[in-house]
Protein backbone atom coordinates (compact mmCIF):
# COMPACT_ATOMS: atom_id res chain seq x y z
CA MET A 1 0.05 0.15 0.00
CA SER A 2 1.26 3.23 -1.45
CA ARG A 3 1.97 5.82 1.45
CA GLY A 4 -1.03 7.91 2.05
CA GLN A 5 -3.34 5.42 0.50
CA THR A 6 -6.85 4.70 2.98
CA GLU A 7 -6.37 1.01 4.87
CA THR A 8 -9.59 -0.92 4.57
CA LEU A 9 -10.48 -2.71 7.77
CA ASP A 10 -9.88 -6.15 6.26
CA GLU A 11 -6.04 -4.77 5.23
CA LYS A 12 -5.74 -3.51 8.99
CA HIS A 13 -6.87 -6.89 10.49
CA GLN A 14 -4.33 -8.46 8.23
CA ARG A 15 -1.37 -6.24 9.26
CA LEU A 16 -1.90 -6.24 12.92
CA LEU A 17 -2.48 -10.35 12.51
CA GLU A 18 0.97 -10.39 10.69
CA ALA A 19 2.59 -8.46 13.39
CA PHE A 20 1.59 -10.54 15.69
CA VAL A 21 2.74 -13.54 14.43
CA LEU A 22 5.84 -12.41 13.64
CA ARG A 23 6.66 -11.22 17.37
CA ALA A 24 4.94 -14.38 18.47
CA ARG A 25 7.21 -16.78 16.74
CA ARG A 26 10.11 -15.07 18.01
CA VAL A 27 8.88 -16.02 21.63
CA GLU A 28 8.08 -19.30 20.32
CA GLU A 29 11.97 -19.47 19.56
CA HIS A 30 12.78 -18.63 23.13
CA SER A 31 14.73 -21.33 25.26
CA LEU A 32 12.12 -21.23 27.84
CA ALA A 33 9.51 -22.77 25.46
CA ALA A 34 11.46 -25.70 24.10
CA ASN A 35 10.17 -27.68 26.95
CA TRP A 36 6.53 -26.92 27.00
CA ASP A 37 5.56 -29.09 30.02
CA ALA A 38 8.06 -26.98 32.01
CA LEU A 39 7.12 -23.76 30.59
CA VAL A 40 3.39 -24.08 31.65
CA GLU A 41 4.60 -25.48 34.86
CA LEU A 42 6.37 -21.88 35.57
CA THR A 43 3.29 -20.62 35.13
CA ARG A 44 2.01 -21.65 38.77
CA THR A 45 3.31 -19.97 41.97
CA SER A 46 4.48 -23.20 43.49
CA ILE A 47 6.69 -23.55 46.62
CA ASN A 48 8.44 -26.47 48.27
CA VAL A 49 7.51 -26.64 52.27
CA ARG A 50 9.79 -28.64 54.35
CA VAL A 51 9.73 -28.91 57.99
CA ASP A 52 12.85 -30.20 60.43
CA ARG A 53 12.76 -29.98 63.66
CA GLY A 54 10.00 -27.57 64.00
CA GLU A 55 11.26 -25.49 61.63
CA VAL A 56 9.57 -24.30 58.26
CA ARG A 57 11.56 -24.35 55.29
CA ILE A 58 10.36 -22.87 52.19
CA SER A 59 12.47 -23.48 48.99
CA TYR A 60 11.89 -22.25 45.27
CA GLU A 61 13.51 -23.49 42.19
CA LEU A 62 13.16 -20.88 38.98
CA PRO A 63 15.03 -20.33 36.04
CA PRO A 64 18.05 -18.20 35.87
CA GLU A 65 17.07 -14.52 36.03
CA GLU A 66 18.99 -13.64 32.57
CA VAL A 67 17.06 -16.30 30.75
CA VAL A 68 13.61 -14.86 31.92
CA GLU A 69 14.82 -11.50 31.66
CA SER A 70 15.43 -12.32 27.67
CA ALA A 71 11.69 -13.62 27.59
CA ALA A 72 10.29 -10.71 29.13
CA ALA A 73 12.19 -8.58 26.44
CA ARG A 74 10.72 -10.98 23.56
CA ILE A 75 6.96 -10.96 25.38
CA ARG A 76 6.91 -7.33 26.16
CA PRO A 77 6.05 -5.89 22.59
CA ILE A 78 3.05 -8.27 23.04
CA LEU A 79 2.08 -6.42 25.74
CA LEU A 80 2.15 -2.92 24.93
CA GLU A 81 -0.80 -0.90 23.72
CA GLN A 82 1.09 1.03 20.87
CA GLU A 83 2.44 -1.71 19.07
CA ASP A 84 1.05 -3.33 16.07
CA CYS A 85 1.38 -6.83 17.38
CA PHE A 86 -0.40 -6.13 20.78
CA HIS A 87 -2.17 -9.12 21.83
CA MET A 88 -5.67 -7.51 22.12
CA LYS A 89 -5.22 -6.14 18.89
CA ALA A 90 -4.94 -9.78 17.35
CA PHE A 91 -7.93 -10.92 19.61
CA SER A 92 -9.76 -7.79 17.98
CA ALA A 93 -9.01 -8.77 14.65
CA LEU A 94 -9.70 -12.54 14.93
CA GLY A 95 -13.25 -11.25 16.23
CA TYR A 96 -13.64 -9.61 13.47
CA THR A 97 -12.87 -12.18 11.27
CA CYS A 98 -14.48 -14.96 12.96
CA ARG A 99 -17.94 -13.10 13.95
CA ALA A 100 -20.01 -15.65 11.90
CA ALA A 101 -17.95 -18.75 13.11
CA PRO A 102 -19.60 -19.53 16.38
CA GLU A 103 -16.96 -21.67 17.92
CA ASP A 104 -14.09 -19.70 17.25
CA ALA A 105 -15.74 -16.44 18.36
CA ALA A 106 -16.38 -18.36 21.81
CA TRP A 107 -12.88 -19.80 21.98
CA ILE A 108 -11.31 -15.89 21.03
CA ARG A 109 -13.59 -14.86 23.66
CA ALA A 110 -12.56 -17.02 26.57
CA ALA A 111 -8.82 -16.73 25.61
CA ARG A 112 -9.08 -12.85 25.89
CA ALA A 113 -10.69 -12.66 29.40
CA GLU A 114 -7.79 -15.38 30.29
CA TRP A 115 -5.57 -12.89 29.29
CA ARG A 116 -6.96 -9.94 30.97
CA THR A 117 -7.40 -12.29 34.52
CA ARG A 118 -3.62 -13.74 33.72
CA VAL A 119 -2.17 -10.31 32.52
CA SER A 120 -3.82 -7.24 33.61
CA PRO A 121 -5.79 -8.66 36.71
CA SER A 122 -7.79 -6.22 38.50
CA THR A 123 -8.09 -7.34 41.58
CA ARG A 124 -5.82 -9.17 44.47
CA ASP A 125 -7.57 -12.29 44.08
CA GLU A 126 -6.76 -12.31 40.46
CA SER A 127 -3.42 -11.50 41.05
CA GLY A 128 -3.03 -14.95 43.16
CA TYR A 129 -1.12 -13.46 46.46
CA TRP A 130 0.43 -10.41 48.09
CA VAL A 131 3.12 -10.00 50.17
CA MET A 132 3.43 -7.95 53.35
CA VAL A 133 6.24 -6.69 55.06
CA ALA A 134 7.05 -4.97 58.67
CA ASP A 135 9.69 -2.52 59.89
CA THR A 136 10.12 -3.70 63.76
CA SER A 137 12.28 -0.68 64.39
CA THR A 138 9.37 1.79 62.88
CA GLY A 139 6.54 0.05 62.82
CA GLU A 140 5.73 1.12 59.19
CA GLU A 141 3.89 -1.89 57.16
CA ARG A 142 3.97 -2.08 53.28
CA ASP A 143 2.24 -4.94 51.28
CA LEU A 144 2.06 -5.53 47.51
CA ASP A 145 0.31 -8.14 45.37
CA ALA A 146 2.00 -10.60 42.82
CA HIS A 147 1.28 -8.91 39.85
CA GLY A 148 2.46 -5.12 41.48
CA LEU A 149 5.75 -7.17 42.24
CA ALA A 150 6.04 -8.78 39.04
CA MET A 151 5.94 -5.45 37.42
CA ALA A 152 8.00 -3.77 39.69
CA TRP A 153 10.80 -6.30 38.08
CA ILE A 154 9.82 -6.01 34.41
CA TYR A 155 9.75 -2.24 34.47
CA GLY A 156 12.00 -1.52 37.42
CA ASP A 157 14.50 -4.12 37.01
CA VAL A 158 14.40 -5.09 33.46
CA VAL A 159 13.23 -3.29 30.52
CA HIS A 160 13.61 0.38 32.12
CA HIS A 161 14.47 2.06 35.12
CA ASP A 162 11.13 3.28 36.05
CA PRO A 163 11.29 4.90 39.89
CA GLU A 164 7.82 4.77 40.55
CA ARG A 165 8.03 1.10 39.83
CA ARG A 166 11.28 0.87 42.15
CA LYS A 167 10.28 2.65 44.78
CA GLU A 168 6.96 0.86 45.05
CA GLY A 169 9.10 -2.60 44.96
CA ASP A 170 12.21 -1.84 46.55
CA SER A 171 11.07 -2.61 50.20
CA PHE A 172 10.16 -6.16 49.34
CA GLY A 173 13.70 -7.13 47.56
CA LEU A 174 14.83 -8.19 44.05
CA ARG A 175 14.09 -11.64 45.03
CA ASP A 176 10.49 -11.44 45.48
CA ARG A 177 9.98 -9.32 42.34
CA PHE A 178 11.56 -11.61 40.53
CA ARG A 179 9.83 -14.62 41.86
CA ALA A 180 6.91 -12.84 40.90
CA ALA A 181 7.36 -12.21 37.85
CA VAL A 182 8.33 -15.75 36.43
CA PRO A 183 4.59 -16.96 36.44
CA LEU A 184 3.64 -13.95 34.62
CA VAL A 185 5.99 -14.04 32.12
CA ALA A 186 5.73 -17.52 31.83
CA TRP A 187 1.89 -17.27 31.33
CA ALA A 188 2.33 -14.30 28.79
CA MET A 189 5.00 -16.97 26.50
CA VAL A 190 1.80 -19.57 26.90
CA GLY A 191 -1.04 -17.43 25.85
CA THR A 192 1.21 -15.76 22.79
CA ILE A 193 1.84 -19.59 21.51
CA GLU A 194 -1.43 -21.10 22.05
CA LEU A 195 -3.05 -17.78 20.20
CA LEU A 196 -0.05 -18.16 17.31
CA ASN A 197 -1.15 -21.96 16.80
CA PHE A 198 -4.70 -20.75 16.88
CA VAL A 199 -3.90 -17.97 14.39
CA ARG A 200 -1.84 -20.88 12.27
CA ALA A 201 -4.84 -23.43 12.23
CA LEU A 202 -7.40 -20.71 10.86
CA ASN A 203 -4.39 -19.46 8.15
CA GLU A 204 -4.44 -23.11 6.85
CA ALA A 205 -8.07 -23.52 6.99
CA GLY A 206 -8.78 -20.63 4.91
CA ALA A 207 -10.10 -18.54 7.19
CA LEU A 208 -7.15 -15.88 7.18
CA ASN A 209 -5.52 -14.66 4.41
CA LEU A 210 -2.21 -14.17 5.73
CA ARG A 211 1.17 -13.83 4.12
CA GLN A 212 2.88 -17.03 4.08
CA GLU A 213 6.53 -15.35 4.79
CA VAL A 214 5.36 -14.45 7.96
CA PHE A 215 5.17 -17.98 9.18
CA ASP A 216 8.38 -18.74 7.28
CA GLU A 217 10.97 -16.00 7.93
CA GLN A 218 13.71 -16.15 10.24
CA VAL A 219 12.59 -14.54 13.40
CA ALA A 220 15.18 -15.44 16.01
CA LEU A 221 19.18 -16.71 15.19
CA LYS A 222 19.48 -20.55 16.71
CA SER A 223 23.41 -19.99 16.26
CA THR A 224 25.43 -17.76 16.64
CA VAL A 225 28.64 -19.07 15.13
CA TRP A 226 28.72 -19.27 11.17
CA GLU A 227 30.68 -19.15 8.02
CA GLU A 228 29.70 -18.07 4.71
CA ARG A 229 31.10 -17.13 1.62
CA ALA A 230 32.50 -13.69 0.58
CA GLU A 231 34.08 -12.20 -2.57
CA MET A 232 36.79 -9.26 -1.27
CA TYR A 233 37.34 -6.11 -3.50
CA TYR A 234 40.34 -3.53 -3.11
CA ALA A 235 40.82 -0.28 -4.36
CA PRO A 236 42.93 3.09 -3.33
CA VAL A 237 42.75 4.87 -0.10
CA GLY A 238 39.89 7.36 0.06
CA ALA A 239 38.00 5.97 -3.50
CA GLN A 240 34.14 6.00 -3.25
CA PRO A 241 32.63 2.85 -2.67
CA PRO A 242 31.02 1.03 -5.92
CA LEU A 243 27.70 0.57 -6.89
CA ALA A 244 26.82 -3.30 -6.89
CA CYS A 245 26.26 -3.10 -10.42
CA GLU A 246 29.71 -2.17 -10.91
CA LEU A 247 30.95 -5.14 -8.49
CA SER A 248 28.84 -7.60 -10.16
CA HIS A 249 31.14 -6.42 -13.38
CA ALA A 250 34.18 -6.65 -11.45
CA ARG A 251 34.11 -10.21 -9.82
CA GLY A 252 37.48 -12.03 -9.94
CA VAL A 253 39.19 -8.43 -10.27
CA ALA A 254 41.47 -7.77 -7.27
CA PRO A 255 44.30 -5.40 -7.70
CA PRO A 256 46.63 -5.40 -5.32
CA GLU A 257 45.69 -2.27 -3.33
CA ARG A 258 44.69 -1.73 0.40
CA GLY A 259 41.37 -2.61 1.15
CA ILE A 260 38.22 -0.83 1.90
C-alpha cells in the first residue's frame, strides 16, 4: 500500500495479525519454550515446604534471572498497547474475522478474558497472592500483590528503570520481585504461543489470508557462529565505494591495493 492510501478494515486486521505472528514466533523460539511442560509449570506459583525439627523451610526453584529477562524482552511488545503486535489487537482482529463462526468466536472470547485476568488482573484475588513486610523498628508496614511485584521487576529492574516502579517494589527486594515475575512472563509466553497456534490453524483452514512469509521467515538466530562465502575487492584509500552493479561486473578482479 502506498503512503497516504486509505487502509481498509480487512487490510488493517491482516497487518495486525501478521505483526503478531512475527513477534509470537520469536517468543515461541525462546529457550524457555523448548520444554512446553516445564514452561506451563512455571505459570503456577508453587513452593516446596519442608519441616525440619519444628522449623519450616520454604524453597523455590526458578530459571536463571537472565533467561527470564530475555524472555520478558521478547514478550514485552505483545503486552504494549501501542504496538501493532499487541495481543488485544490480535484478539480484536480475530473476533472480527471469526464473527460468523460461533465456535471460533467463543474460543476467542474465553482466551481474551483469560489474558486480561492473568496479564492485567484487576483485584488481588486475580493476582494470586500478596506479600507483606514490616519494619520492626518503626512499625511501618507495606504490602504489594504479585502483579505489582512482577511489574516492579519488569519495569523497574529489567526493561526500564522506572523510579515509581522501583519505589513501589524496593521494600520487598529483588528476590520477591523476580519470584512474582516468573509466572507472569511464563503465562504470557504460553498464551502467546497458544494464540499463535490458533492463528496458524485458521490460516491453514483458509479463514485467514495471511502472507506465508510471516510464518516462514527467520525470526530468531539459532546459532551465532557461522561461516559464509564472500568476495573481497580492493581500491585505493579514499576511493568512493562502487555501486552493486559495478561490483557484479568486476567479479574476480582484485588489484593489489589496500582494502576499503
